[in-house]
Each structure stands twice: as structure tokens, then as C-alpha cells.
Amino acid sequence: MSRSDEIVFYTNPMSRGRIARWMLEEIGQPYRTVVLDYGTTMKAPDYLAINPMGKVPAITHRGVTVTECAAVCAWLADAFPGAGLAPALDDPARGPYLRWMFFGAGPLEAAVTAKSLGLLAPADKARMAGYGSFDQVVDALETVVSDAGPWLLGERFSALDVYLGSQIGWGLQFKSLPERDAFKAYAGRLFQRPAAIRAREMDDALIAAASPGG
């Protein structure tokens, strides 16, 4: 692999980088991991040159820097079509794939964060918020998950499952989403995937190694 083709993965195991790690394991390509620490290397000038936000994850690949979890998942799926993790540009499934990927990165992320911080838009201002209301977002999410069979695009697993599924899994784990039956059933299938298990074990090992006595 030439250096320009090398995937460099910047992360912290206690971050959204876990989503990108899972995606990398799904595509099955070699990559190099750079672990950054909050407040130090994540805010250092050399990393800020990669991501001015000083946040993870980020990847560099083919001379391009990609940040934001949804974008990382979408980039990797398109960069490695042999993995079959994204519908082709002329595939009608590309529409719902992009629709729900952007839903996860926009309304879902915003609504869950706002609710967790006690900052949801008041009812009389809900039209100003892209997510409308928290209940609307959850109901819409339940609709697409309820139709999953077994994955969000039907029989075809995709990067959408990695990204949106991770948000559902965390929502259940941290109680930021209600424990609806559709969410629990979908998450139960999702996190048994071999790549999900590998990614989880790798990040958990990094956490254990960094802990006192690790």
C-alpha cells in the first residue's frame, strides 16, 4: 500500500471514534491508529492542522482529511465499494441511505444532545429547530427501525447501520433514547456482527491499558 493510500485513523477509545473503528473493521482494509488524549494531543497544533475542531474521529486517506462520523462512514463505504457497504449512485436505495444517514447526523444528534443538556426548544419555538421535537425524532427513528428487515436497507447491511445503529445502541446504553422494542431488537442483531465485536474489543483494550494498573 502506498503512503497516499494508507488510512490513518485518529481517535480516542472513549469517543465517537468507536463508530469509525467499527466502520474500518467492516471494510476490512488495513489502517494505522493514532490515539489522542483529550485536552493535550487532541488540541495540539499538529492535530488542529488536521481537524481545527480538535475533536475525533478523523481519518486521512488518499491525501484527503475526513472528519465527522457520518462523513467518515460514507467516505469509507464509497472508497471501498468491494465491501458492499453503500448503494451505488444509480441505485434507488441510495436515497434512503443518504436520507437516514443525514437524519442521524442532524435531527437525531441534535435532539438527543439537547435533551441530555436540558436545552430542548420549547414547544412554541419547535418550528425553529431542525429536529422539531424530541418525540418527533424518536417516532421517526422508530419508523425506519421497525421497517428494518433485518437491516435499515432491508437484507443489505450498510454504513447506515454502522452510523445510525451506533447512535441507537448508545441511546439505549445511556438512557438517552427510550427503550422501545424495535430499538432493542435491532441493536440485539446489530452488535453481534463480527466486525462490531472486534472493534469493541480493540477499543475496550485501549481503555483498559490506559487505566491505573492497566
C-alpha atoms as a PDB file:
ATOM      1  CA  MET A   1       0.000   0.000   0.000  1.00  0.00           C
ATOM      2  CA  SER A   2       1.422   3.367  -0.983  1.00  0.00           C
ATOM      3  CA  ARG A   3       1.541   6.063   1.643  1.00  0.00           C
ATOM      4  CA  SER A   4      -1.191   8.048  -0.103  1.00  0.00           C
ATOM      5  CA  ASP A   5      -3.476   5.012   0.138  1.00  0.00           C
ATOM      6  CA  GLU A   6      -2.752   4.461   3.827  1.00  0.00           C
ATOM      7  CA  ILE A   7      -5.702   5.043   6.127  1.00  0.00           C
ATOM      8  CA  VAL A   8      -4.642   6.895   9.266  1.00  0.00           C
ATOM      9  CA  PHE A   9      -7.284   6.831  11.974  1.00  0.00           C
ATOM     10  CA  TYR A  10      -7.233   9.468  14.737  1.00  0.00           C
ATOM     11  CA  THR A  11      -9.316   8.519  17.730  1.00  0.00           C
ATOM     12  CA  ASN A  12      -9.815   8.098  21.429  1.00  0.00           C
ATOM     13  CA  PRO A  13     -11.457   4.866  22.631  1.00  0.00           C
ATOM     14  CA  MET A  14     -13.887   6.856  24.781  1.00  0.00           C
ATOM     15  CA  SER A  15     -15.329   8.876  21.918  1.00  0.00           C
ATOM     16  CA  ARG A  16     -17.397   8.704  18.755  1.00  0.00           C
ATOM     17  CA  GLY A  17     -14.233   7.265  17.265  1.00  0.00           C
ATOM     18  CA  ARG A  18     -15.706   3.902  18.217  1.00  0.00           C
ATOM     19  CA  ILE A  19     -18.135   4.318  15.328  1.00  0.00           C
ATOM     20  CA  ALA A  20     -15.329   4.940  12.851  1.00  0.00           C
ATOM     21  CA  ARG A  21     -13.360   1.997  14.269  1.00  0.00           C
ATOM     22  CA  TRP A  22     -16.295  -0.290  13.616  1.00  0.00           C
ATOM     23  CA  MET A  23     -16.624   1.045  10.078  1.00  0.00           C
ATOM     24  CA  LEU A  24     -12.940   0.426   9.449  1.00  0.00           C
ATOM     25  CA  GLU A  25     -13.325  -3.140  10.656  1.00  0.00           C
ATOM     26  CA  GLU A  26     -16.308  -3.632   8.358  1.00  0.00           C
ATOM     27  CA  ILE A  27     -14.411  -2.566   5.231  1.00  0.00           C
ATOM     28  CA  GLY A  28     -11.598  -4.962   6.086  1.00  0.00           C
ATOM     29  CA  GLN A  29      -8.717  -2.752   4.963  1.00  0.00           C
ATOM     30  CA  PRO A  30      -5.501  -2.140   6.931  1.00  0.00           C
ATOM     31  CA  TYR A  31      -5.263   1.129   8.814  1.00  0.00           C
ATOM     32  CA  ARG A  32      -2.971   2.858  11.288  1.00  0.00           C
ATOM     33  CA  THR A  33      -4.398   4.096  14.567  1.00  0.00           C
ATOM     34  CA  VAL A  34      -3.261   7.289  16.306  1.00  0.00           C
ATOM     35  CA  VAL A  35      -4.741   7.575  19.811  1.00  0.00           C
ATOM     36  CA  LEU A  36      -5.150  11.129  21.073  1.00  0.00           C
ATOM     37  CA  ASP A  37      -5.862  12.381  24.575  1.00  0.00           C
ATOM     38  CA  TYR A  38      -8.461  14.976  25.478  1.00  0.00           C
ATOM     39  CA  GLY A  39      -7.077  18.414  26.249  1.00  0.00           C
ATOM     40  CA  THR A  40      -3.500  17.578  25.227  1.00  0.00           C
ATOM     41  CA  THR A  41      -2.650  15.875  21.925  1.00  0.00           C
ATOM     42  CA  MET A  42      -6.210  16.397  20.668  1.00  0.00           C
ATOM     43  CA  LYS A  43      -5.664  20.169  20.989  1.00  0.00           C
ATOM     44  CA  ALA A  44      -2.036  20.217  19.871  1.00  0.00           C
ATOM     45  CA  PRO A  45      -1.110  22.262  16.781  1.00  0.00           C
ATOM     46  CA  ASP A  46      -0.244  19.234  14.641  1.00  0.00           C
ATOM     47  CA  TYR A  47      -3.683  17.705  15.164  1.00  0.00           C
ATOM     48  CA  LEU A  48      -5.513  21.031  14.893  1.00  0.00           C
ATOM     49  CA  ALA A  49      -3.990  21.247  11.424  1.00  0.00           C
ATOM     50  CA  ILE A  50      -5.911  18.061  10.638  1.00  0.00           C
ATOM     51  CA  ASN A  51      -9.131  18.956  12.448  1.00  0.00           C
ATOM     52  CA  PRO A  52      -9.433  22.579  13.627  1.00  0.00           C
ATOM     53  CA  MET A  53     -12.222  21.463  15.964  1.00  0.00           C
ATOM     54  CA  GLY A  54      -9.718  19.422  17.955  1.00  0.00           C
ATOM     55  CA  LYS A  55     -12.133  16.511  18.071  1.00  0.00           C
ATOM     56  CA  VAL A  56     -12.084  12.893  16.985  1.00  0.00           C
ATOM     57  CA  PRO A  57     -12.535  10.837  14.929  1.00  0.00           C
ATOM     58  CA  ALA A  58     -10.726  11.856  11.786  1.00  0.00           C
ATOM     59  CA  ILE A  59      -9.101   9.904   9.015  1.00  0.00           C
ATOM     60  CA  THR A  60      -6.599  10.784   6.330  1.00  0.00           C
ATOM     61  CA  HIS A  61      -6.757   8.766   3.132  1.00  0.00           C
ATOM     62  CA  ARG A  62      -5.604   9.404  -0.434  1.00  0.00           C
ATOM     63  CA  GLY A  63      -4.433  12.868   0.545  1.00  0.00           C
ATOM     64  CA  VAL A  64      -7.838  13.794   1.949  1.00  0.00           C
ATOM     65  CA  THR A  65      -8.821  14.518   5.536  1.00  0.00           C
ATOM     66  CA  VAL A  66     -12.318  13.461   6.588  1.00  0.00           C
ATOM     67  CA  THR A  67     -13.893  14.334   9.932  1.00  0.00           C
ATOM     68  CA  GLU A  68     -17.413  13.854  11.353  1.00  0.00           C
ATOM     69  CA  CYS A  69     -18.559  10.280  11.918  1.00  0.00           C
ATOM     70  CA  ALA A  70     -21.227  10.188   9.239  1.00  0.00           C
ATOM     71  CA  ALA A  71     -18.795  11.589   6.674  1.00  0.00           C
ATOM     72  CA  VAL A  72     -16.089   9.093   7.688  1.00  0.00           C
ATOM     73  CA  CYS A  73     -18.531   6.190   7.309  1.00  0.00           C
ATOM     74  CA  ALA A  74     -19.787   7.472   3.951  1.00  0.00           C
ATOM     75  CA  TRP A  75     -16.267   8.120   2.633  1.00  0.00           C
ATOM     76  CA  LEU A  76     -15.008   4.668   3.556  1.00  0.00           C
ATOM     77  CA  ALA A  77     -18.076   2.957   2.105  1.00  0.00           C
ATOM     78  CA  ASP A  78     -17.618   4.747  -1.220  1.00  0.00           C
ATOM     79  CA  ALA A  79     -13.824   4.419  -1.244  1.00  0.00           C
ATOM     80  CA  PHE A  80     -14.060   0.637  -0.922  1.00  0.00           C
ATOM     81  CA  PRO A  81     -17.100  -0.437  -2.950  1.00  0.00           C
ATOM     82  CA  GLY A  82     -15.992  -4.062  -2.793  1.00  0.00           C
ATOM     83  CA  ALA A  83     -17.128  -4.151   0.827  1.00  0.00           C
ATOM     84  CA  GLY A  84     -20.694  -3.547  -0.344  1.00  0.00           C
ATOM     85  CA  LEU A  85     -21.480  -1.016   2.366  1.00  0.00           C
ATOM     86  CA  ALA A  86     -23.087   1.715   0.249  1.00  0.00           C
ATOM     87  CA  PRO A  87     -25.633   1.664  -2.572  1.00  0.00           C
ATOM     88  CA  ALA A  88     -24.244   2.795  -5.918  1.00  0.00           C
ATOM     89  CA  LEU A  89     -25.069   6.275  -7.198  1.00  0.00           C
ATOM     90  CA  ASP A  90     -27.695   4.888  -9.589  1.00  0.00           C
ATOM     91  CA  ASP A  91     -29.235   2.536  -7.009  1.00  0.00           C
ATOM     92  CA  PRO A  92     -32.638   3.753  -5.727  1.00  0.00           C
ATOM     93  CA  ALA A  93     -31.547   2.608  -2.248  1.00  0.00           C
ATOM     94  CA  ARG A  94     -29.047   5.478  -2.298  1.00  0.00           C
ATOM     95  CA  GLY A  95     -31.931   7.816  -1.467  1.00  0.00           C
ATOM     96  CA  PRO A  96     -32.997   6.289   1.871  1.00  0.00           C
ATOM     97  CA  TYR A  97     -29.345   5.557   2.648  1.00  0.00           C
ATOM     98  CA  LEU A  98     -28.469   9.254   2.456  1.00  0.00           C
ATOM     99  CA  ARG A  99     -31.745  10.373   3.973  1.00  0.00           C
ATOM    100  CA  TRP A 100     -31.302   8.449   7.205  1.00  0.00           C
ATOM    101  CA  MET A 101     -27.548   8.997   7.378  1.00  0.00           C
ATOM    102  CA  PHE A 102     -28.169  12.756   7.378  1.00  0.00           C
ATOM    103  CA  PHE A 103     -31.098  12.320   9.768  1.00  0.00           C
ATOM    104  CA  GLY A 104     -28.729  10.696  12.248  1.00  0.00           C
ATOM    105  CA  ALA A 105     -26.105  13.415  11.837  1.00  0.00           C
ATOM    106  CA  GLY A 106     -28.677  16.209  12.025  1.00  0.00           C
ATOM    107  CA  PRO A 107     -32.026  15.913  13.838  1.00  0.00           C
ATOM    108  CA  LEU A 108     -31.188  12.824  15.907  1.00  0.00           C
ATOM    109  CA  GLU A 109     -27.799  14.011  17.150  1.00  0.00           C
ATOM    110  CA  ALA A 110     -29.124  17.493  17.875  1.00  0.00           C
ATOM    111  CA  ALA A 111     -32.275  16.336  19.660  1.00  0.00           C
ATOM    112  CA  VAL A 112     -30.542  13.760  21.850  1.00  0.00           C
ATOM    113  CA  THR A 113     -27.802  16.219  22.827  1.00  0.00           C
ATOM    114  CA  ALA A 114     -30.286  18.989  23.552  1.00  0.00           C
ATOM    115  CA  LYS A 115     -32.426  16.715  25.705  1.00  0.00           C
ATOM    116  CA  SER A 116     -29.398  15.459  27.642  1.00  0.00           C
ATOM    117  CA  LEU A 117     -28.386  19.056  28.386  1.00  0.00           C
ATOM    118  CA  GLY A 118     -31.908  20.200  29.213  1.00  0.00           C
ATOM    119  CA  LEU A 119     -31.847  22.554  26.241  1.00  0.00           C
ATOM    120  CA  LEU A 120     -34.666  21.298  24.028  1.00  0.00           C
ATOM    121  CA  ALA A 121     -36.532  24.011  22.141  1.00  0.00           C
ATOM    122  CA  PRO A 122     -39.748  24.999  23.910  1.00  0.00           C
ATOM    123  CA  ALA A 123     -42.944  23.868  22.187  1.00  0.00           C
ATOM    124  CA  ASP A 124     -43.731  27.340  20.864  1.00  0.00           C
ATOM    125  CA  LYS A 125     -40.267  27.533  19.247  1.00  0.00           C
ATOM    126  CA  ALA A 126     -40.083  23.956  17.939  1.00  0.00           C
ATOM    127  CA  ARG A 127     -40.512  25.031  14.320  1.00  0.00           C
ATOM    128  CA  MET A 128     -37.183  26.870  14.559  1.00  0.00           C
ATOM    129  CA  ALA A 129     -35.324  23.670  15.470  1.00  0.00           C
ATOM    130  CA  GLY A 130     -34.320  21.289  12.698  1.00  0.00           C
ATOM    131  CA  TYR A 131     -35.403  18.384  14.856  1.00  0.00           C
ATOM    132  CA  GLY A 132     -38.811  19.839  15.729  1.00  0.00           C
ATOM    133  CA  SER A 133     -39.330  17.989  18.993  1.00  0.00           C
ATOM    134  CA  PHE A 134     -37.574  15.096  20.684  1.00  0.00           C
ATOM    135  CA  ASP A 135     -40.690  12.921  20.415  1.00  0.00           C
ATOM    136  CA  GLN A 136     -40.965  13.576  16.682  1.00  0.00           C
ATOM    137  CA  VAL A 137     -37.369  12.492  16.180  1.00  0.00           C
ATOM    138  CA  VAL A 138     -37.803   9.308  18.214  1.00  0.00           C
ATOM    139  CA  ASP A 139     -41.022   8.409  16.426  1.00  0.00           C
ATOM    140  CA  ALA A 140     -39.385   8.920  13.020  1.00  0.00           C
ATOM    141  CA  LEU A 141     -36.420   6.796  14.084  1.00  0.00           C
ATOM    142  CA  GLU A 142     -38.741   4.043  15.282  1.00  0.00           C
ATOM    143  CA  THR A 143     -40.455   4.055  11.891  1.00  0.00           C
ATOM    144  CA  VAL A 144     -37.287   3.267   9.951  1.00  0.00           C
ATOM    145  CA  VAL A 145     -36.061   0.731  12.524  1.00  0.00           C
ATOM    146  CA  SER A 146     -39.432  -1.026  12.639  1.00  0.00           C
ATOM    147  CA  ASP A 147     -39.244  -1.498   8.879  1.00  0.00           C
ATOM    148  CA  ALA A 148     -35.717  -2.941   9.114  1.00  0.00           C
ATOM    149  CA  GLY A 149     -35.511  -6.395   7.723  1.00  0.00           C
ATOM    150  CA  PRO A 150     -33.076  -7.178   9.285  1.00  0.00           C
ATOM    151  CA  TRP A 151     -31.027  -4.064   8.381  1.00  0.00           C
ATOM    152  CA  LEU A 152     -32.065  -0.494   7.657  1.00  0.00           C
ATOM    153  CA  LEU A 153     -31.912  -1.094   3.899  1.00  0.00           C
ATOM    154  CA  GLY A 154     -33.640  -4.452   4.142  1.00  0.00           C
ATOM    155  CA  GLU A 155     -31.487  -7.514   3.578  1.00  0.00           C
ATOM    156  CA  ARG A 156     -28.433  -5.381   2.865  1.00  0.00           C
ATOM    157  CA  PHE A 157     -26.167  -4.267   5.706  1.00  0.00           C
ATOM    158  CA  SER A 158     -24.602  -0.864   5.037  1.00  0.00           C
ATOM    159  CA  ALA A 159     -22.639   2.008   6.537  1.00  0.00           C
ATOM    160  CA  LEU A 160     -26.018   3.409   7.571  1.00  0.00           C
ATOM    161  CA  ASP A 161     -26.366   0.568  10.068  1.00  0.00           C
ATOM    162  CA  VAL A 162     -22.918   1.329  11.468  1.00  0.00           C
ATOM    163  CA  TYR A 163     -23.650   5.017  11.959  1.00  0.00           C
ATOM    164  CA  LEU A 164     -27.323   5.148  12.881  1.00  0.00           C
ATOM    165  CA  GLY A 165     -27.125   1.820  14.687  1.00  0.00           C
ATOM    166  CA  SER A 166     -24.298   3.090  16.880  1.00  0.00           C
ATOM    167  CA  GLN A 167     -26.420   6.045  17.911  1.00  0.00           C
ATOM    168  CA  ILE A 168     -29.295   3.747  18.789  1.00  0.00           C
ATOM    169  CA  GLY A 169     -27.003   1.472  20.773  1.00  0.00           C
ATOM    170  CA  TRP A 170     -25.567   4.354  22.756  1.00  0.00           C
ATOM    171  CA  GLY A 171     -29.022   5.809  23.253  1.00  0.00           C
ATOM    172  CA  LEU A 172     -30.152   2.572  24.851  1.00  0.00           C
ATOM    173  CA  GLN A 173     -26.973   2.186  26.893  1.00  0.00           C
ATOM    174  CA  PHE A 174     -27.009   5.715  28.297  1.00  0.00           C
ATOM    175  CA  LYS A 175     -30.813   6.017  28.503  1.00  0.00           C
ATOM    176  CA  SER A 176     -30.871   8.968  26.110  1.00  0.00           C
ATOM    177  CA  LEU A 177     -33.364   7.117  23.905  1.00  0.00           C
ATOM    178  CA  PRO A 178     -36.459   5.313  25.168  1.00  0.00           C
ATOM    179  CA  GLU A 179     -36.221   1.528  25.311  1.00  0.00           C
ATOM    180  CA  ARG A 180     -38.676   0.790  22.544  1.00  0.00           C
ATOM    181  CA  ASP A 181     -38.948  -2.817  21.407  1.00  0.00           C
ATOM    182  CA  ALA A 182     -37.919  -2.017  17.838  1.00  0.00           C
ATOM    183  CA  PHE A 183     -34.711  -0.354  19.029  1.00  0.00           C
ATOM    184  CA  LYS A 184     -33.797  -3.226  21.335  1.00  0.00           C
ATOM    185  CA  ALA A 185     -34.434  -5.906  18.718  1.00  0.00           C
ATOM    186  CA  TYR A 186     -32.417  -4.089  16.074  1.00  0.00           C
ATOM    187  CA  ALA A 187     -29.497  -3.387  18.424  1.00  0.00           C
ATOM    188  CA  GLY A 188     -29.502  -7.007  19.512  1.00  0.00           C
ATOM    189  CA  ARG A 189     -28.891  -8.105  15.925  1.00  0.00           C
ATOM    190  CA  LEU A 190     -26.513  -5.325  15.079  1.00  0.00           C
ATOM    191  CA  PHE A 191     -23.891  -5.656  17.771  1.00  0.00           C
ATOM    192  CA  GLN A 192     -23.370  -9.359  17.193  1.00  0.00           C
ATOM    193  CA  ARG A 193     -21.663  -8.654  13.883  1.00  0.00           C
ATOM    194  CA  PRO A 194     -18.042  -9.902  13.953  1.00  0.00           C
ATOM    195  CA  ALA A 195     -16.654  -6.508  12.934  1.00  0.00           C
ATOM    196  CA  ALA A 196     -18.634  -4.806  15.713  1.00  0.00           C
ATOM    197  CA  ILE A 197     -17.271  -7.263  18.254  1.00  0.00           C
ATOM    198  CA  ARG A 198     -13.677  -6.815  17.009  1.00  0.00           C
ATOM    199  CA  ALA A 199     -13.928  -3.037  17.121  1.00  0.00           C
ATOM    200  CA  ARG A 200     -15.426  -3.078  20.604  1.00  0.00           C
ATOM    201  CA  GLU A 201     -12.713  -5.394  21.920  1.00  0.00           C
ATOM    202  CA  MET A 202      -9.948  -3.239  20.408  1.00  0.00           C
ATOM    203  CA  ASP A 203     -11.234  -0.025  21.958  1.00  0.00           C
ATOM    204  CA  ASP A 204     -12.008  -1.658  25.287  1.00  0.00           C
ATOM    205  CA  ALA A 205      -8.436  -2.978  25.380  1.00  0.00           C
ATOM    206  CA  LEU A 206      -7.093   0.549  24.838  1.00  0.00           C
ATOM    207  CA  ILE A 207      -9.238   1.819  27.700  1.00  0.00           C
ATOM    208  CA  ALA A 208      -8.039  -0.979  29.983  1.00  0.00           C
ATOM    209  CA  ALA A 209      -4.416  -0.338  29.085  1.00  0.00           C
ATOM    210  CA  ALA A 210      -4.738   3.348  29.893  1.00  0.00           C
ATOM    211  CA  SER A 211      -6.429   2.791  33.248  1.00  0.00           C
ATOM    212  CA  PRO A 212      -4.424   2.656  36.509  1.00  0.00           C
ATOM    213  CA  GLY A 213      -2.836  -0.757  36.733  1.00  0.00           C
ATOM    214  CA  GLY A 214      -3.729  -1.446  33.113  1.00  0.00           C
END
